[in-house]
Protein backbone atom coordinates (compact mmCIF):
# COMPACT_ATOMS: atom_id res chain seq x y z
CA MET A 1 -0.03 0.00 -0.03
CA THR A 2 1.32 3.44 -0.99
CA ARG A 3 1.98 6.14 1.56
CA GLY A 4 -0.91 8.16 -0.08
CA ARG A 5 -3.38 5.37 0.38
CA VAL A 6 -2.45 4.87 3.96
CA LEU A 7 -2.95 8.67 4.57
CA ASP A 8 -6.27 8.29 2.83
CA VAL A 9 -7.23 5.52 5.20
CA VAL A 10 -6.17 7.60 8.23
CA GLY A 11 -8.25 10.51 6.85
CA THR A 12 -11.23 8.34 6.29
CA LEU A 13 -11.03 7.05 9.95
CA ALA A 14 -10.70 10.67 11.17
CA ARG A 15 -13.66 11.73 9.04
CA LEU A 16 -15.85 8.90 10.13
CA GLY A 17 -14.81 9.06 13.84
CA LEU A 18 -15.53 12.82 13.94
CA ALA A 19 -18.83 12.17 12.13
CA ALA A 20 -19.78 9.59 14.89
CA VAL A 21 -18.88 12.16 17.60
CA TRP A 22 -21.18 14.84 16.19
CA LEU A 23 -23.94 12.46 15.42
CA ALA A 24 -23.96 10.90 18.87
CA SER A 25 -23.59 14.20 20.85
CA GLY A 26 -26.15 15.92 18.53
CA LEU A 27 -28.79 13.18 18.79
CA LEU A 28 -28.40 12.91 22.64
CA LYS A 29 -28.93 16.71 22.97
CA ALA A 30 -31.78 16.63 20.39
CA LEU A 31 -33.57 13.92 22.24
CA ASP A 32 -33.60 15.92 25.58
CA PRO A 33 -33.78 19.71 24.75
CA ALA A 34 -34.72 20.61 28.36
CA GLN A 35 -31.49 18.89 29.65
CA THR A 36 -29.50 20.59 26.86
CA TYR A 37 -30.77 24.01 28.16
CA VAL A 38 -29.78 22.99 31.70
CA ALA A 39 -26.29 21.92 30.34
CA VAL A 40 -25.71 25.30 28.45
CA LYS A 41 -27.03 27.36 31.34
CA ALA A 42 -24.73 25.72 33.79
CA TYR A 43 -21.70 27.37 32.21
CA ASP A 44 -22.99 30.63 33.40
CA VAL A 45 -21.69 32.68 30.59
CA LEU A 46 -24.81 33.52 28.49
CA PRO A 47 -27.86 35.54 29.23
CA THR A 48 -31.27 33.60 29.41
CA ASP A 49 -32.16 34.33 25.71
CA GLY A 50 -28.57 33.25 24.62
CA VAL A 51 -28.87 29.96 26.59
CA SER A 52 -32.20 29.35 24.69
CA ILE A 53 -30.76 30.04 21.34
CA VAL A 54 -27.47 27.93 21.86
CA ALA A 55 -29.38 25.04 23.41
CA GLY A 56 -31.89 25.17 20.55
CA ILE A 57 -29.35 25.40 17.74
CA LEU A 58 -26.39 23.35 19.09
CA PRO A 59 -27.99 19.75 18.61
CA TRP A 60 -28.93 20.45 15.04
CA PHE A 61 -25.67 22.11 14.14
CA GLU A 62 -23.74 19.05 15.49
CA LEU A 63 -26.11 16.76 13.63
CA ALA A 64 -25.41 18.67 10.38
CA LEU A 65 -21.69 18.54 10.97
CA GLY A 66 -21.98 14.79 11.57
CA VAL A 67 -24.10 14.11 8.42
CA LEU A 68 -21.78 16.24 6.22
CA LEU A 69 -18.74 14.32 7.50
CA LEU A 70 -20.36 11.07 7.27
CA LEU A 71 -21.25 11.76 3.46
CA GLY A 72 -17.94 13.41 2.89
CA VAL A 73 -19.33 16.74 1.59
CA GLY A 74 -17.15 19.91 2.27
CA THR A 75 -14.82 17.90 4.46
CA ARG A 76 -12.18 20.71 4.88
CA ALA A 77 -14.87 23.32 5.62
CA VAL A 78 -16.77 21.03 8.07
CA ALA A 79 -13.48 20.24 9.73
CA VAL A 80 -12.72 23.95 10.20
CA LEU A 81 -16.28 24.47 11.69
CA SER A 82 -15.70 21.45 13.91
CA ALA A 83 -12.28 22.74 15.06
CA VAL A 84 -13.85 26.15 15.95
CA LEU A 85 -16.79 24.48 17.94
CA LEU A 86 -14.33 22.18 19.73
CA LEU A 87 -12.12 25.22 20.77
CA VAL A 88 -15.29 26.85 22.06
CA PHE A 89 -16.10 23.72 24.04
CA ILE A 90 -12.47 23.51 25.47
CA ALA A 91 -12.65 27.16 26.33
CA GLY A 92 -16.10 26.59 28.01
CA VAL A 93 -14.90 23.78 30.21
CA SER A 94 -11.60 25.57 30.97
CA GLN A 95 -13.45 28.64 32.23
CA ALA A 96 -15.99 26.66 34.21
CA TRP A 97 -12.91 24.84 35.88
CA ALA A 98 -11.11 28.18 36.37
CA ARG A 99 -14.06 29.76 37.96
CA GLY A 100 -14.61 26.81 40.27
CA LEU A 101 -18.04 25.75 38.88
CA ASN A 102 -19.13 22.06 39.56
CA ILE A 103 -20.69 21.00 36.21
CA ASP A 104 -20.83 18.16 33.91
CA CYS A 105 -20.03 19.39 30.38
CA GLY A 106 -23.24 18.04 28.78
CA CYS A 107 -21.07 17.04 25.76
CA PHE A 108 -23.02 13.88 25.12
CA GLY A 109 -26.25 14.68 26.81
CA GLY A 110 -27.00 15.34 30.48
CA GLY A 111 -25.00 18.04 31.99
CA GLY A 112 -25.58 20.58 34.59
CA ALA A 113 -24.53 20.85 38.25
CA VAL A 114 -22.67 18.06 39.97
CA GLU A 115 -21.41 17.45 43.46
CA PRO A 116 -17.93 19.01 44.28
CA GLY A 117 -15.25 16.46 43.32
CA GLN A 118 -17.39 14.94 40.68
CA THR A 119 -16.20 17.13 37.81
CA GLN A 120 -14.20 15.57 34.95
CA TYR A 121 -12.65 18.66 33.36
CA VAL A 122 -9.19 17.14 32.63
CA GLN A 123 -10.85 14.13 30.87
CA GLU A 124 -13.32 16.38 29.01
CA ILE A 125 -10.49 18.68 27.82
CA VAL A 126 -8.27 15.71 26.77
CA ARG A 127 -11.13 14.06 24.94
CA ASP A 128 -12.04 17.26 23.05
CA THR A 129 -8.33 17.85 22.21
CA GLY A 130 -8.38 14.35 20.60
CA PHE A 131 -11.36 15.33 18.51
CA LEU A 132 -9.57 18.62 17.71
CA VAL A 133 -6.63 16.51 16.41
CA LEU A 134 -9.07 14.60 14.09
CA ALA A 135 -10.43 17.93 12.78
CA ALA A 136 -6.91 19.32 12.31
CA TRP A 137 -5.99 16.25 10.15
CA LEU A 138 -9.02 16.77 8.04
CA ILE A 139 -8.19 20.46 7.60
CA VAL A 140 -4.68 19.71 6.49
CA ARG A 141 -5.57 16.61 4.45
CA PRO A 142 -9.21 16.29 3.62
CA ARG A 143 -8.82 13.57 1.01
CA THR A 144 -10.71 10.46 2.18
CA PHE A 145 -12.24 7.29 0.81
CA GLY A 146 -15.89 7.07 0.15
CA ALA A 147 -16.53 10.86 0.12
CA LEU A 148 -19.15 12.24 -1.98
CA GLU A 149 -16.92 15.22 -2.84
CA ASN A 150 -14.60 12.88 -4.50
CA LEU A 151 -17.29 11.82 -6.85
CA ILE A 152 -18.48 15.34 -7.56
CA GLY A 153 -14.94 16.43 -8.14
CA ARG A 154 -14.40 13.60 -10.67
CA ALA A 155 -17.52 14.52 -12.50
CA ALA A 156 -16.38 18.13 -12.87
CA GLU A 157 -12.78 17.31 -14.02
CA PRO A 158 -12.18 17.96 -17.69
CA GLY A 159 -11.31 14.78 -19.65
CA PRO A 160 -11.66 13.33 -23.02
CA ARG A 161 -15.26 13.34 -24.32
CA HIS A 162 -16.40 10.40 -26.28
CA SER A 163 -19.31 10.74 -28.59
CA LYS A 164 -20.91 8.09 -30.83
CA VAL A 165 -21.16 8.95 -34.34
CA GLY A 166 -24.27 7.40 -35.64
């Protein structure tokens, strides 16, 4: 197997892995919008209207990112959006930790206040940093197997035209 094919396999695994993350987290949030509101509110950084907007949009935005990555449409652009969102999540968890809040991130459903000593900030930041690495890979090298954008790109490539003379 050539180096390029190995890199394509790694990219495909990164794309599908990140798609699974967004699909799982978005679906769990979408299934329980009231708990998603509680989770967003627990960060204590947005006014009530902002909490409602973020809690209402976030699950569907995550699901859209997941579907686009799963299909392989706009992989680099979706990876950039993923990286930005992951940086926001890392910043949110970091500020909650720095401020001494006792919350569960709500990253995969649930969320909100927890008992002192029950926070998992380090694990959440490390996990999101791992997801950020997947997004960074796709920003640098978005070529993957099975992506629809590969088919679309091939259809648009100029090439010899064959016509039947009849």
